């Protein structure tokens, strides 16, 4: 099966947000900061701390969310030339081949560790930090999308 695609900025930024929020270290950090902020709110209510302390904890939470939700995905999108290219991708029985106007590169299925499906994309992971986004809108119809979904499940396994 062969597909052609380019990237939409809003969809890519959303996919990058999804990637960051799925990272275990980010999840732990978010839980820690949220619990810390809730505890500080309770302590403020019980008058164990001053309002300034609660304000500082709230500002830390706001800054963390701003970085994860806005700054990090936008900066990665701006720095990466990949998202401005047009691609042709071939899903073959033994490998995946990606073509651009500059050339082609193929990977055997064993080069991928797993895949994750988000709203707009399939995230094909090489390792926990490097992945390739395949837009779902590149497929002609739901049947083709289901075929690729099943191929990815059999070749890689879903995480």
N, C-alpha and C. Protein backbone atom coordinates (compact mmCIF):
# COMPACT_ATOMS: atom_id res chain seq x y z
N UNK A 1 0.84 -1.18 0.00
CA UNK A 1 0.00 0.00 0.00
C UNK A 1 0.89 1.24 0.00
N UNK A 2 0.52 2.22 -0.76
CA UNK A 2 1.28 3.46 -0.89
C UNK A 2 0.38 4.64 -0.56
N UNK A 3 0.93 5.58 0.24
CA UNK A 3 0.21 6.81 0.56
C UNK A 3 1.11 8.00 0.31
N UNK A 4 0.49 9.15 0.09
CA UNK A 4 1.22 10.41 -0.06
C UNK A 4 0.67 11.38 0.97
N UNK A 5 1.57 12.17 1.56
CA UNK A 5 1.10 13.11 2.57
C UNK A 5 2.09 14.24 2.84
N UNK A 6 1.54 15.29 3.41
CA UNK A 6 2.28 16.40 3.98
C UNK A 6 1.71 16.59 5.38
N UNK A 7 2.15 17.60 6.06
CA UNK A 7 1.71 17.80 7.44
C UNK A 7 0.97 19.12 7.63
N UNK A 8 -0.02 19.10 8.50
CA UNK A 8 -0.74 20.29 8.92
C UNK A 8 -0.19 20.71 10.29
N UNK A 9 0.17 21.98 10.43
CA UNK A 9 0.83 22.44 11.65
C UNK A 9 0.00 22.17 12.90
N UNK A 10 -1.28 22.49 12.89
CA UNK A 10 -2.10 22.30 14.09
C UNK A 10 -2.16 20.83 14.49
N UNK A 11 -2.28 19.95 13.52
CA UNK A 11 -2.35 18.52 13.82
C UNK A 11 -1.02 18.00 14.36
N UNK A 12 0.08 18.47 13.80
CA UNK A 12 1.40 18.04 14.26
C UNK A 12 1.66 18.52 15.68
N UNK A 13 1.33 19.76 15.95
CA UNK A 13 1.53 20.29 17.31
C UNK A 13 0.69 19.49 18.30
N UNK A 14 -0.53 19.14 17.94
CA UNK A 14 -1.37 18.32 18.82
C UNK A 14 -0.75 16.94 19.02
N UNK A 15 -0.20 16.35 17.98
CA UNK A 15 0.45 15.04 18.09
C UNK A 15 1.69 15.11 18.98
N UNK A 16 2.44 16.19 18.87
CA UNK A 16 3.61 16.36 19.73
C UNK A 16 3.19 16.53 21.18
N UNK A 17 2.11 17.25 21.44
CA UNK A 17 1.58 17.35 22.80
C UNK A 17 1.23 15.97 23.35
N UNK A 18 0.56 15.20 22.51
CA UNK A 18 0.16 13.85 22.91
C UNK A 18 1.40 13.02 23.25
N UNK A 19 2.42 13.12 22.43
CA UNK A 19 3.66 12.39 22.69
C UNK A 19 4.26 12.78 24.03
N UNK A 20 4.35 14.08 24.28
CA UNK A 20 4.95 14.53 25.54
C UNK A 20 4.12 14.11 26.75
N UNK A 21 2.82 14.20 26.64
CA UNK A 21 1.96 13.83 27.77
C UNK A 21 1.94 12.32 28.02
N UNK A 22 2.35 11.53 27.04
CA UNK A 22 2.41 10.08 27.21
C UNK A 22 3.74 9.61 27.80
N UNK A 23 4.71 10.49 27.83
CA UNK A 23 6.02 10.15 28.41
C UNK A 23 5.88 9.91 29.91
N UNK A 24 6.44 8.81 30.42
CA UNK A 24 6.29 8.50 31.84
C UNK A 24 6.84 9.58 32.77
N UNK A 25 7.97 10.18 32.40
CA UNK A 25 8.55 11.20 33.28
C UNK A 25 7.66 12.45 33.33
N UNK A 26 7.01 12.79 32.23
CA UNK A 26 6.11 13.94 32.22
C UNK A 26 4.85 13.63 33.04
N UNK A 27 4.34 12.41 32.89
CA UNK A 27 3.17 12.01 33.69
C UNK A 27 3.46 12.12 35.18
N UNK A 28 4.62 11.60 35.59
CA UNK A 28 4.99 11.64 37.01
C UNK A 28 5.15 13.08 37.47
N UNK A 29 5.80 13.90 36.66
CA UNK A 29 5.98 15.31 37.01
C UNK A 29 4.64 16.03 37.14
N UNK A 30 3.72 15.78 36.21
CA UNK A 30 2.41 16.41 36.28
C UNK A 30 1.62 15.98 37.51
N UNK A 31 1.68 14.69 37.83
CA UNK A 31 1.00 14.21 39.03
C UNK A 31 1.60 14.86 40.27
N UNK A 32 2.91 14.89 40.33
CA UNK A 32 3.59 15.49 41.48
C UNK A 32 3.23 16.97 41.65
N UNK A 33 3.29 17.73 40.57
CA UNK A 33 2.99 19.16 40.64
C UNK A 33 1.51 19.39 40.99
N UNK A 34 0.61 18.59 40.40
CA UNK A 34 -0.82 18.74 40.72
C UNK A 34 -1.11 18.40 42.18
N UNK A 35 -0.54 17.32 42.68
CA UNK A 35 -0.74 16.96 44.09
C UNK A 35 -0.17 18.06 44.98
N UNK A 36 1.00 18.54 44.64
CA UNK A 36 1.64 19.60 45.42
C UNK A 36 0.76 20.86 45.44
N UNK A 37 0.17 21.21 44.31
CA UNK A 37 -0.69 22.39 44.25
C UNK A 37 -1.98 22.17 45.04
N UNK A 38 -2.56 20.98 44.97
CA UNK A 38 -3.77 20.69 45.73
C UNK A 38 -3.49 20.74 47.23
N UNK A 39 -2.36 20.14 47.63
CA UNK A 39 -1.99 20.18 49.05
C UNK A 39 -1.75 21.61 49.50
N UNK A 40 -1.14 22.40 48.68
CA UNK A 40 -0.91 23.80 49.06
C UNK A 40 -2.24 24.57 49.15
N UNK A 41 -3.21 24.24 48.28
CA UNK A 41 -4.52 24.88 48.37
C UNK A 41 -5.22 24.51 49.68
N UNK A 42 -5.12 23.25 50.06
CA UNK A 42 -5.71 22.81 51.33
C UNK A 42 -5.02 23.49 52.50
N UNK A 43 -3.69 23.55 52.43
CA UNK A 43 -2.95 24.21 53.51
C UNK A 43 -3.27 25.70 53.58
N UNK A 44 -3.50 26.33 52.44
CA UNK A 44 -3.90 27.74 52.44
C UNK A 44 -5.27 27.89 53.10
N UNK A 45 -6.18 27.01 52.76
CA UNK A 45 -7.53 27.05 53.35
C UNK A 45 -7.48 26.86 54.86
N UNK A 46 -6.61 25.96 55.32
CA UNK A 46 -6.48 25.71 56.77
C UNK A 46 -5.54 26.70 57.44
N UNK A 47 -5.05 27.65 56.68
CA UNK A 47 -4.18 28.74 57.15
C UNK A 47 -2.84 28.24 57.70
N UNK A 48 -2.31 27.16 57.11
CA UNK A 48 -0.97 26.69 57.47
C UNK A 48 0.11 27.41 56.66
N UNK A 49 -0.26 27.91 55.49
CA UNK A 49 0.68 28.65 54.66
C UNK A 49 0.05 29.97 54.25
N UNK A 50 0.89 30.88 53.77
CA UNK A 50 0.41 32.18 53.32
C UNK A 50 -0.04 32.10 51.86
N UNK A 51 -0.79 33.08 51.47
CA UNK A 51 -1.29 33.13 50.09
C UNK A 51 -0.15 33.21 49.08
N UNK A 52 0.94 33.83 49.47
CA UNK A 52 2.09 33.95 48.57
C UNK A 52 2.65 32.57 48.20
N UNK A 53 2.70 31.66 49.16
CA UNK A 53 3.20 30.31 48.88
C UNK A 53 2.29 29.60 47.89
N UNK A 54 0.99 29.71 48.08
CA UNK A 54 0.05 29.10 47.14
C UNK A 54 0.20 29.72 45.76
N UNK A 55 0.40 31.02 45.71
CA UNK A 55 0.59 31.70 44.43
C UNK A 55 1.84 31.17 43.72
N UNK A 56 2.92 30.96 44.45
CA UNK A 56 4.15 30.43 43.85
C UNK A 56 3.91 29.03 43.29
N UNK A 57 3.23 28.15 44.03
CA UNK A 57 2.94 26.80 43.56
C UNK A 57 2.05 26.85 42.31
N UNK A 58 1.09 27.74 42.31
CA UNK A 58 0.19 27.87 41.16
C UNK A 58 0.93 28.38 39.93
N UNK A 59 1.84 29.30 40.13
CA UNK A 59 2.64 29.83 39.02
C UNK A 59 3.54 28.73 38.45
N UNK A 60 4.12 27.91 39.32
CA UNK A 60 4.93 26.78 38.85
C UNK A 60 4.10 25.83 37.99
N UNK A 61 2.89 25.54 38.43
CA UNK A 61 2.00 24.66 37.67
C UNK A 61 1.69 25.28 36.32
N UNK A 62 1.38 26.58 36.31
CA UNK A 62 1.06 27.28 35.07
C UNK A 62 2.25 27.27 34.10
N UNK A 63 3.44 27.52 34.60
CA UNK A 63 4.63 27.52 33.75
C UNK A 63 4.89 26.14 33.17
N UNK A 64 4.74 25.10 33.99
CA UNK A 64 4.94 23.75 33.51
C UNK A 64 3.95 23.42 32.39
N UNK A 65 2.70 23.74 32.58
CA UNK A 65 1.71 23.47 31.54
C UNK A 65 1.97 24.29 30.28
N UNK A 66 2.39 25.52 30.45
CA UNK A 66 2.72 26.37 29.31
C UNK A 66 3.87 25.76 28.49
N UNK A 67 4.88 25.26 29.18
CA UNK A 67 6.02 24.65 28.49
C UNK A 67 5.60 23.40 27.75
N UNK A 68 4.87 22.50 28.43
CA UNK A 68 4.49 21.24 27.81
C UNK A 68 3.45 21.45 26.71
N UNK A 69 2.50 22.35 26.94
CA UNK A 69 1.38 22.49 26.02
C UNK A 69 1.68 23.40 24.83
N UNK A 70 2.48 24.43 25.03
CA UNK A 70 2.71 25.41 23.96
C UNK A 70 4.15 25.47 23.45
N UNK A 71 5.07 25.73 24.36
CA UNK A 71 6.44 26.07 23.96
C UNK A 71 7.17 24.88 23.35
N UNK A 72 7.17 23.73 24.01
CA UNK A 72 7.91 22.57 23.53
C UNK A 72 7.41 22.08 22.17
N UNK A 73 6.10 21.83 21.98
CA UNK A 73 5.66 21.37 20.64
C UNK A 73 5.91 22.40 19.54
N UNK A 74 5.69 23.67 19.84
CA UNK A 74 5.90 24.70 18.81
C UNK A 74 7.36 24.82 18.42
N UNK A 75 8.25 24.74 19.40
CA UNK A 75 9.68 24.87 19.08
C UNK A 75 10.17 23.67 18.27
N UNK A 76 9.68 22.48 18.58
CA UNK A 76 10.07 21.30 17.81
C UNK A 76 9.54 21.40 16.38
N UNK A 77 8.31 21.86 16.22
CA UNK A 77 7.74 22.02 14.89
C UNK A 77 8.56 23.02 14.07
N UNK A 78 8.92 24.15 14.67
CA UNK A 78 9.68 25.18 13.95
C UNK A 78 11.07 24.69 13.56
N UNK A 79 11.73 23.91 14.42
CA UNK A 79 13.10 23.48 14.16
C UNK A 79 13.20 22.33 13.18
N UNK A 80 12.15 21.57 13.00
CA UNK A 80 12.22 20.37 12.18
C UNK A 80 11.78 20.66 10.74
N UNK A 81 12.66 20.37 9.83
CA UNK A 81 12.35 20.53 8.40
C UNK A 81 11.44 19.41 7.91
N UNK A 82 11.38 18.32 8.66
CA UNK A 82 10.56 17.17 8.27
C UNK A 82 9.11 17.55 8.04
N UNK A 83 8.58 18.41 8.86
CA UNK A 83 7.16 18.74 8.80
C UNK A 83 6.80 19.64 7.61
N UNK A 84 7.79 20.09 6.87
CA UNK A 84 7.54 20.93 5.70
C UNK A 84 7.67 20.15 4.40
N UNK A 85 8.13 18.91 4.48
CA UNK A 85 8.32 18.06 3.30
C UNK A 85 7.01 17.39 2.88
N UNK A 86 7.04 16.85 1.67
CA UNK A 86 5.96 16.01 1.16
C UNK A 86 6.52 14.60 1.04
N UNK A 87 5.75 13.60 1.48
CA UNK A 87 6.24 12.23 1.55
C UNK A 87 5.39 11.27 0.75
N UNK A 88 6.05 10.21 0.31
CA UNK A 88 5.38 9.03 -0.24
C UNK A 88 5.85 7.87 0.63
N UNK A 89 4.91 7.14 1.19
CA UNK A 89 5.26 6.04 2.09
C UNK A 89 4.67 4.74 1.55
N UNK A 90 5.52 3.71 1.51
CA UNK A 90 5.11 2.40 1.03
C UNK A 90 5.12 1.43 2.21
N UNK A 91 3.96 0.84 2.51
CA UNK A 91 3.87 -0.19 3.53
C UNK A 91 3.98 -1.53 2.82
N UNK A 92 5.11 -2.19 2.99
CA UNK A 92 5.34 -3.48 2.35
C UNK A 92 5.30 -4.57 3.41
N UNK A 93 5.29 -5.80 2.97
CA UNK A 93 5.21 -6.93 3.90
C UNK A 93 6.45 -7.04 4.79
N UNK A 94 7.61 -6.68 4.26
CA UNK A 94 8.84 -6.83 5.03
C UNK A 94 9.45 -5.51 5.52
N UNK A 95 8.95 -4.39 5.03
CA UNK A 95 9.53 -3.11 5.43
C UNK A 95 8.61 -1.93 5.12
N UNK A 96 9.04 -0.76 5.61
CA UNK A 96 8.37 0.51 5.32
C UNK A 96 9.38 1.37 4.57
N UNK A 97 8.97 1.93 3.44
CA UNK A 97 9.86 2.78 2.63
C UNK A 97 9.26 4.18 2.58
N UNK A 98 10.10 5.15 2.86
CA UNK A 98 9.70 6.55 2.87
C UNK A 98 10.47 7.30 1.80
N UNK A 99 9.75 8.02 0.94
CA UNK A 99 10.39 8.78 -0.14
C UNK A 99 10.10 10.27 0.00
N UNK A 100 11.09 11.07 -0.32
CA UNK A 100 10.92 12.51 -0.50
C UNK A 100 11.57 12.86 -1.82
N UNK A 101 11.55 14.13 -2.17
CA UNK A 101 12.19 14.55 -3.41
C UNK A 101 13.71 14.41 -3.33
N UNK A 102 14.25 14.31 -2.11
CA UNK A 102 15.70 14.17 -1.92
C UNK A 102 16.19 12.73 -1.92
N UNK A 103 15.27 11.77 -1.83
CA UNK A 103 15.69 10.37 -1.83
C UNK A 103 14.70 9.49 -1.09
N UNK A 104 15.14 8.26 -0.81
CA UNK A 104 14.27 7.28 -0.15
C UNK A 104 15.04 6.58 0.94
N UNK A 105 14.30 6.11 1.94
CA UNK A 105 14.89 5.37 3.06
C UNK A 105 13.90 4.28 3.46
N UNK A 106 14.41 3.08 3.67
CA UNK A 106 13.57 1.97 4.07
C UNK A 106 13.98 1.44 5.43
N UNK A 107 13.00 0.98 6.18
CA UNK A 107 13.25 0.37 7.49
C UNK A 107 12.54 -0.97 7.55
N UNK A 108 13.24 -2.01 8.01
CA UNK A 108 12.53 -3.26 8.25
C UNK A 108 11.57 -3.07 9.43
N UNK A 109 10.56 -3.88 9.51
CA UNK A 109 9.59 -3.74 10.60
C UNK A 109 10.25 -3.86 11.97
N UNK A 110 11.34 -4.62 12.03
CA UNK A 110 12.02 -4.81 13.32
C UNK A 110 12.69 -3.52 13.81
N UNK A 111 12.87 -2.53 12.94
CA UNK A 111 13.47 -1.26 13.37
C UNK A 111 12.52 -0.45 14.25
N UNK A 112 11.23 -0.75 14.19
CA UNK A 112 10.23 -0.04 14.99
C UNK A 112 9.98 -0.81 16.28
N UNK A 113 9.85 -0.08 17.37
CA UNK A 113 9.59 -0.74 18.64
C UNK A 113 8.09 -0.93 18.88
N UNK A 114 7.30 0.07 18.54
CA UNK A 114 5.85 0.00 18.73
C UNK A 114 5.20 1.17 18.00
N UNK A 115 3.87 1.20 18.03
CA UNK A 115 3.16 2.34 17.48
C UNK A 115 2.06 2.74 18.45
N UNK A 116 1.69 4.00 18.36
CA UNK A 116 0.58 4.55 19.14
C UNK A 116 -0.32 5.27 18.15
N UNK A 117 -1.60 5.14 18.37
CA UNK A 117 -2.56 5.81 17.50
C UNK A 117 -3.17 6.99 18.26
N UNK A 118 -3.08 8.16 17.68
CA UNK A 118 -3.72 9.34 18.25
C UNK A 118 -4.84 9.78 17.31
N UNK A 119 -5.43 10.91 17.58
CA UNK A 119 -6.58 11.36 16.80
C UNK A 119 -6.27 11.53 15.31
N UNK A 120 -5.14 12.15 15.00
CA UNK A 120 -4.82 12.46 13.60
C UNK A 120 -3.73 11.57 13.00
N UNK A 121 -2.97 10.84 13.84
CA UNK A 121 -1.77 10.17 13.36
C UNK A 121 -1.60 8.76 13.93
N UNK A 122 -0.75 8.01 13.21
CA UNK A 122 -0.09 6.84 13.77
C UNK A 122 1.31 7.31 14.13
N UNK A 123 1.73 7.09 15.35
CA UNK A 123 3.08 7.43 15.79
C UNK A 123 3.90 6.14 15.70
N UNK A 124 4.82 6.05 14.77
CA UNK A 124 5.66 4.86 14.61
C UNK A 124 6.97 5.12 15.35
N UNK A 125 7.17 4.42 16.46
CA UNK A 125 8.32 4.66 17.33
C UNK A 125 9.49 3.76 16.97
N UNK A 126 10.67 4.39 16.86
CA UNK A 126 11.92 3.66 16.72
C UNK A 126 12.45 3.31 18.11
N UNK A 127 12.37 4.26 19.00
CA UNK A 127 12.73 4.09 20.41
C UNK A 127 11.86 5.06 21.20
N UNK A 128 11.99 5.14 22.51
CA UNK A 128 11.07 5.99 23.28
C UNK A 128 11.06 7.48 22.90
N UNK A 129 12.12 7.96 22.27
CA UNK A 129 12.20 9.39 21.98
C UNK A 129 12.13 9.74 20.49
N UNK A 130 12.29 8.78 19.61
CA UNK A 130 12.24 9.11 18.18
C UNK A 130 11.12 8.32 17.50
N UNK A 131 10.39 9.05 16.71
CA UNK A 131 9.21 8.46 16.06
C UNK A 131 8.92 9.19 14.77
N UNK A 132 8.05 8.59 13.98
CA UNK A 132 7.61 9.20 12.74
C UNK A 132 6.09 9.26 12.75
N UNK A 133 5.54 10.38 12.32
CA UNK A 133 4.09 10.57 12.29
C UNK A 133 3.54 10.25 10.90
N UNK A 134 2.53 9.38 10.88
CA UNK A 134 1.85 9.05 9.63
C UNK A 134 0.42 9.55 9.74
N UNK A 135 0.04 10.57 8.95
CA UNK A 135 -1.32 11.13 9.05
C UNK A 135 -2.38 10.13 8.61
N UNK A 136 -3.44 10.05 9.37
CA UNK A 136 -4.55 9.16 9.02
C UNK A 136 -5.29 9.67 7.79
N UNK A 137 -5.29 10.98 7.60
CA UNK A 137 -6.01 11.54 6.45
C UNK A 137 -5.36 11.19 5.12
N UNK A 138 -4.15 10.62 5.14
CA UNK A 138 -3.48 10.23 3.90
C UNK A 138 -4.09 8.97 3.28
N UNK A 139 -4.86 8.24 4.06
CA UNK A 139 -5.46 7.01 3.56
C UNK A 139 -6.76 7.34 2.82
N UNK A 140 -7.03 6.59 1.76
CA UNK A 140 -8.17 6.87 0.89
C UNK A 140 -9.51 6.73 1.60
N UNK A 141 -9.65 5.65 2.37
CA UNK A 141 -10.92 5.38 3.03
C UNK A 141 -10.69 4.61 4.32
N UNK A 142 -11.76 4.32 5.01
CA UNK A 142 -11.68 3.64 6.30
C UNK A 142 -11.15 2.22 6.14
N UNK A 143 -11.41 1.59 5.01
CA UNK A 143 -10.92 0.23 4.77
C UNK A 143 -9.40 0.21 4.71
N UNK A 144 -8.83 1.15 3.99
CA UNK A 144 -7.37 1.25 3.89
C UNK A 144 -6.76 1.56 5.25
N UNK A 145 -7.42 2.42 6.00
CA UNK A 145 -6.95 2.76 7.35
C UNK A 145 -6.97 1.53 8.25
N UNK A 146 -8.01 0.73 8.17
CA UNK A 146 -8.11 -0.50 8.97
C UNK A 146 -7.03 -1.51 8.56
N UNK A 147 -6.75 -1.59 7.28
CA UNK A 147 -5.71 -2.50 6.80
C UNK A 147 -4.34 -2.13 7.38
N UNK A 148 -4.02 -0.84 7.35
CA UNK A 148 -2.74 -0.39 7.89
C UNK A 148 -2.71 -0.58 9.40
N UNK A 149 -3.81 -0.30 10.06
CA UNK A 149 -3.89 -0.50 11.52
C UNK A 149 -3.60 -1.96 11.88
N UNK A 150 -4.18 -2.88 11.13
CA UNK A 150 -3.96 -4.30 11.36
C UNK A 150 -2.53 -4.70 11.02
N UNK A 151 -1.99 -4.15 9.93
CA UNK A 151 -0.60 -4.42 9.57
C UNK A 151 0.35 -3.96 10.67
N UNK A 152 0.11 -2.76 11.19
CA UNK A 152 0.96 -2.25 12.27
C UNK A 152 0.85 -3.12 13.52
N UNK A 153 -0.34 -3.57 13.84
CA UNK A 153 -0.52 -4.44 15.02
C UNK A 153 0.23 -5.76 14.85
N UNK A 154 0.17 -6.34 13.68
CA UNK A 154 0.84 -7.63 13.48
C UNK A 154 2.35 -7.48 13.39
N UNK A 155 2.82 -6.41 12.79
CA UNK A 155 4.26 -6.24 12.60
C UNK A 155 4.98 -5.64 13.80
N UNK A 156 4.31 -4.75 14.54
CA UNK A 156 4.97 -4.04 15.64
C UNK A 156 4.36 -4.29 17.00
N UNK A 157 3.08 -4.29 17.07
CA UNK A 157 2.41 -4.35 18.36
C UNK A 157 2.11 -2.96 18.87
N UNK A 158 0.93 -2.81 19.42
CA UNK A 158 0.50 -1.51 19.92
C UNK A 158 0.91 -1.37 21.37
N UNK A 159 1.33 -0.18 21.74
CA UNK A 159 1.69 0.04 23.14
C UNK A 159 0.57 0.74 23.86
